[in-house]
Amino acid sequence: MSGWRAAVVALAALSLAACTAPVEGVPDAEVVRPSLTPTADQLPKAGQCTDTGLEALDCRAEHDAEVTEVGVLDGLGAEYPNDRDLRRAALPACRAALTAYLGSPDHDATRLQAHALWPSRDGWARGDRWRVCTVVELKPDGTRARRKTSARDLLKAAGFGTVQLCATASPGEAKDPGITACDQPHKAEAVPGVLALGNPHDPAPSLDQVNAKAAEHCAKAVTNYVGAPREDVFASWRAFGSQAWSEGYTSAVCYAEATRPFSGRLWGLGRNPLPA
């Protein structure tokens, strides 16, 4: 039976290399077998929503994915490619489509992720070369959130705070920063101003090169986010690491990190006391 494959990134992989030491990891892949066996003319269109399959849904109904772009996989041979080659062909384009769809490149600082879908082995054999790019919102526990509204232009329309990443541990030091809901006690908040580090076709930068670029950029981003320089809030950052670089994960995410855990938000805190 012909179906499709989805390349996904687990929430824990949102930041795969700390600013102090690299943490290995690449986006995972999973196989889903929908009831629909799509051909190119049966695919949903950009702006339509879907559930676990590829059947189009009204975005006002509960859904767990929204199509950002439908395109073609280029530069691959007649034989069915391995997962890594498929991800390298699909994910950079899907991440670019996500930036355009959300109206901002800051999605890496949120729980919104680009997922890529492509034909199964049987579909490939019959000549299918489509790719479907979707946006998925993940809960802090890594499961998919079910939305009833469209994500189009969400980050352009001041929706960043509704999907923002917050962490219970230091993003710059911990292997696992402990993603949590931002209304729960936490130590750090991802901030607008995701730093682009290069092109996936270029060599991945070293950790020292990432740190050199991120230090000044993130310090400014955190000061803008908080509204004033503070001794109890500082900048930290995480990047995805070299293994994911060729798949389009070419950014560093800046965090406003406090010297102790707190409740509430740092956004616009200014010189007011750090929340308890």
Foldseek 3Di string as FASTA:
>chain_A
DKFKWKWAAFPQLLFQQFLVGGHDDATHIDGDHDPDRDAPVQADAAQFFAASGRHTDHLQDWHFKGWQHKDFQPDDDLQDDDPLVVLLRWQQVLLVSVCQFQVHNQCSQFQKDKMKMAIDRVNSNVPGGMITIIIGGAALVRHTDIHSHDNGNCVVVVNQLVGGWFFAADRNPDSGRHTHRQQDWHFKTWFPDKFFQDALVDQADDSVSVCVVCQVSLQVRLCQFLVHDDPFWGKTKGFNDRVHSSSNRGIIIIMTGGPHIAGDDSGPNYPPDGHD
